[in-house]
Amino acid sequence: MAVEAGRGIGWRDLIGGDVEVVGLDTFGKSAPAPAAYEALGITAKRIAETARRMVK
């Protein structure tokens, strides 16, 4: 699993295997970090859900 505040492209190649990336697939947002991360879906909840899904 990779968590990237920028573009997630490339992590799959670096890590290899069955990889989940929590990151951006679009252009970013201009806002204070907490608001930008929330708007872009890079949240602790999403990271935890992704991790749980991967270990099942």
N, C-alpha and C. Protein backbone atom coordinates (compact mmCIF):
# COMPACT_ATOMS: atom_id res chain seq x y z
N MET A 1 0.85 -1.17 0.00
CA MET A 1 0.00 0.00 0.00
C MET A 1 0.89 1.23 0.00
N ALA A 2 0.50 2.22 -0.78
CA ALA A 2 1.21 3.49 -0.80
C ALA A 2 0.23 4.61 -0.52
N VAL A 3 0.66 5.57 0.25
CA VAL A 3 -0.12 6.78 0.50
C VAL A 3 0.71 7.93 -0.02
N GLU A 4 0.16 8.64 -0.99
CA GLU A 4 0.91 9.69 -1.67
C GLU A 4 0.05 10.94 -1.77
N ALA A 5 0.54 12.05 -1.26
CA ALA A 5 -0.21 13.30 -1.32
C ALA A 5 -0.20 13.88 -2.73
N GLY A 6 0.64 13.35 -3.58
CA GLY A 6 0.68 13.76 -4.98
C GLY A 6 0.17 12.63 -5.86
N ARG A 7 0.57 12.64 -7.10
CA ARG A 7 0.12 11.62 -8.04
C ARG A 7 0.58 10.23 -7.61
N GLY A 8 -0.34 9.28 -7.68
CA GLY A 8 -0.02 7.91 -7.29
C GLY A 8 0.66 7.10 -8.38
N ILE A 9 0.75 7.68 -9.57
CA ILE A 9 1.37 6.98 -10.69
C ILE A 9 2.82 6.64 -10.34
N GLY A 10 3.23 5.44 -10.63
CA GLY A 10 4.60 5.02 -10.39
C GLY A 10 4.75 4.13 -9.18
N TRP A 11 3.90 4.28 -8.19
CA TRP A 11 4.00 3.45 -6.99
C TRP A 11 3.76 1.98 -7.30
N ARG A 12 2.84 1.69 -8.18
CA ARG A 12 2.58 0.29 -8.52
C ARG A 12 3.82 -0.36 -9.11
N ASP A 13 4.55 0.39 -9.93
CA ASP A 13 5.79 -0.14 -10.53
C ASP A 13 6.88 -0.31 -9.47
N LEU A 14 6.98 0.62 -8.55
CA LEU A 14 8.02 0.56 -7.52
C LEU A 14 7.78 -0.55 -6.52
N ILE A 15 6.53 -0.72 -6.09
CA ILE A 15 6.22 -1.70 -5.07
C ILE A 15 6.03 -3.09 -5.67
N GLY A 16 5.36 -3.15 -6.81
CA GLY A 16 5.09 -4.42 -7.46
C GLY A 16 3.97 -5.18 -6.77
N GLY A 17 3.51 -6.22 -7.39
CA GLY A 17 2.47 -7.05 -6.81
C GLY A 17 1.11 -6.37 -6.78
N ASP A 18 0.29 -6.83 -5.87
CA ASP A 18 -1.07 -6.32 -5.72
C ASP A 18 -1.03 -5.09 -4.82
N VAL A 19 -1.02 -3.92 -5.41
CA VAL A 19 -0.81 -2.67 -4.68
C VAL A 19 -2.06 -1.80 -4.72
N GLU A 20 -2.38 -1.22 -3.60
CA GLU A 20 -3.41 -0.19 -3.51
C GLU A 20 -2.70 1.13 -3.28
N VAL A 21 -3.14 2.17 -3.97
CA VAL A 21 -2.55 3.49 -3.80
C VAL A 21 -3.64 4.47 -3.38
N VAL A 22 -3.44 5.11 -2.25
CA VAL A 22 -4.31 6.20 -1.82
C VAL A 22 -3.56 7.46 -2.21
N GLY A 23 -4.03 8.12 -3.25
CA GLY A 23 -3.35 9.31 -3.75
C GLY A 23 -4.23 10.03 -4.73
N LEU A 24 -3.63 10.87 -5.54
CA LEU A 24 -4.38 11.68 -6.48
C LEU A 24 -4.34 11.09 -7.88
N ASP A 25 -5.47 11.15 -8.54
CA ASP A 25 -5.54 10.81 -9.95
C ASP A 25 -6.00 12.03 -10.75
N THR A 26 -6.06 13.17 -10.07
CA THR A 26 -6.51 14.42 -10.68
C THR A 26 -5.54 15.52 -10.25
N PHE A 27 -5.79 16.72 -10.72
CA PHE A 27 -5.01 17.85 -10.26
C PHE A 27 -5.38 18.13 -8.81
N GLY A 28 -4.50 18.74 -8.08
CA GLY A 28 -4.71 19.02 -6.66
C GLY A 28 -5.68 20.15 -6.41
N LYS A 29 -5.78 20.52 -5.17
CA LYS A 29 -6.64 21.61 -4.72
C LYS A 29 -5.78 22.64 -4.01
N SER A 30 -6.23 23.86 -4.00
CA SER A 30 -5.55 24.91 -3.27
C SER A 30 -6.38 25.23 -2.04
N ALA A 31 -5.89 24.82 -0.90
CA ALA A 31 -6.59 25.04 0.36
C ALA A 31 -5.64 24.65 1.48
N PRO A 32 -5.97 25.01 2.71
CA PRO A 32 -5.17 24.49 3.83
C PRO A 32 -5.16 22.96 3.78
N ALA A 33 -4.05 22.36 4.18
CA ALA A 33 -3.86 20.92 4.03
C ALA A 33 -5.04 20.07 4.51
N PRO A 34 -5.57 20.26 5.72
CA PRO A 34 -6.68 19.39 6.15
C PRO A 34 -7.89 19.46 5.21
N ALA A 35 -8.23 20.64 4.75
CA ALA A 35 -9.37 20.79 3.84
C ALA A 35 -9.07 20.18 2.48
N ALA A 36 -7.85 20.37 1.99
CA ALA A 36 -7.49 19.81 0.69
C ALA A 36 -7.49 18.29 0.73
N TYR A 37 -6.89 17.70 1.77
CA TYR A 37 -6.87 16.23 1.88
C TYR A 37 -8.29 15.67 1.95
N GLU A 38 -9.15 16.31 2.72
CA GLU A 38 -10.55 15.86 2.82
C GLU A 38 -11.23 15.92 1.46
N ALA A 39 -11.07 17.03 0.76
CA ALA A 39 -11.71 17.21 -0.55
C ALA A 39 -11.18 16.19 -1.57
N LEU A 40 -9.93 15.79 -1.42
CA LEU A 40 -9.31 14.86 -2.37
C LEU A 40 -9.44 13.40 -1.95
N GLY A 41 -10.02 13.17 -0.77
CA GLY A 41 -10.22 11.79 -0.32
C GLY A 41 -9.00 11.14 0.30
N ILE A 42 -8.01 11.93 0.65
CA ILE A 42 -6.82 11.37 1.31
C ILE A 42 -7.03 11.58 2.81
N THR A 43 -7.76 10.64 3.41
CA THR A 43 -8.14 10.75 4.81
C THR A 43 -7.70 9.51 5.58
N ALA A 44 -7.61 9.66 6.89
CA ALA A 44 -7.26 8.51 7.73
C ALA A 44 -8.28 7.40 7.56
N LYS A 45 -9.55 7.75 7.42
CA LYS A 45 -10.60 6.75 7.25
C LYS A 45 -10.38 5.95 5.96
N ARG A 46 -10.09 6.62 4.87
CA ARG A 46 -9.87 5.93 3.60
C ARG A 46 -8.62 5.07 3.66
N ILE A 47 -7.57 5.57 4.28
CA ILE A 47 -6.34 4.80 4.40
C ILE A 47 -6.59 3.53 5.21
N ALA A 48 -7.32 3.66 6.34
CA ALA A 48 -7.63 2.50 7.18
C ALA A 48 -8.51 1.50 6.43
N GLU A 49 -9.51 1.98 5.71
CA GLU A 49 -10.38 1.09 4.95
C GLU A 49 -9.60 0.34 3.88
N THR A 50 -8.69 1.02 3.22
CA THR A 50 -7.87 0.38 2.18
C THR A 50 -6.98 -0.70 2.80
N ALA A 51 -6.36 -0.37 3.92
CA ALA A 51 -5.49 -1.35 4.60
C ALA A 51 -6.29 -2.57 5.04
N ARG A 52 -7.47 -2.37 5.62
CA ARG A 52 -8.31 -3.50 6.05
C ARG A 52 -8.67 -4.38 4.86
N ARG A 53 -9.04 -3.76 3.75
CA ARG A 53 -9.43 -4.51 2.55
C ARG A 53 -8.25 -5.34 2.06
N MET A 54 -7.04 -4.83 2.17
CA MET A 54 -5.88 -5.55 1.66
C MET A 54 -5.51 -6.76 2.51
N VAL A 55 -5.79 -6.74 3.82
CA VAL A 55 -5.39 -7.86 4.68
C VAL A 55 -6.47 -8.92 4.81
N LYS A 56 -7.62 -8.70 4.22
CA LYS A 56 -8.69 -9.71 4.29
C LYS A 56 -8.41 -10.85 3.36
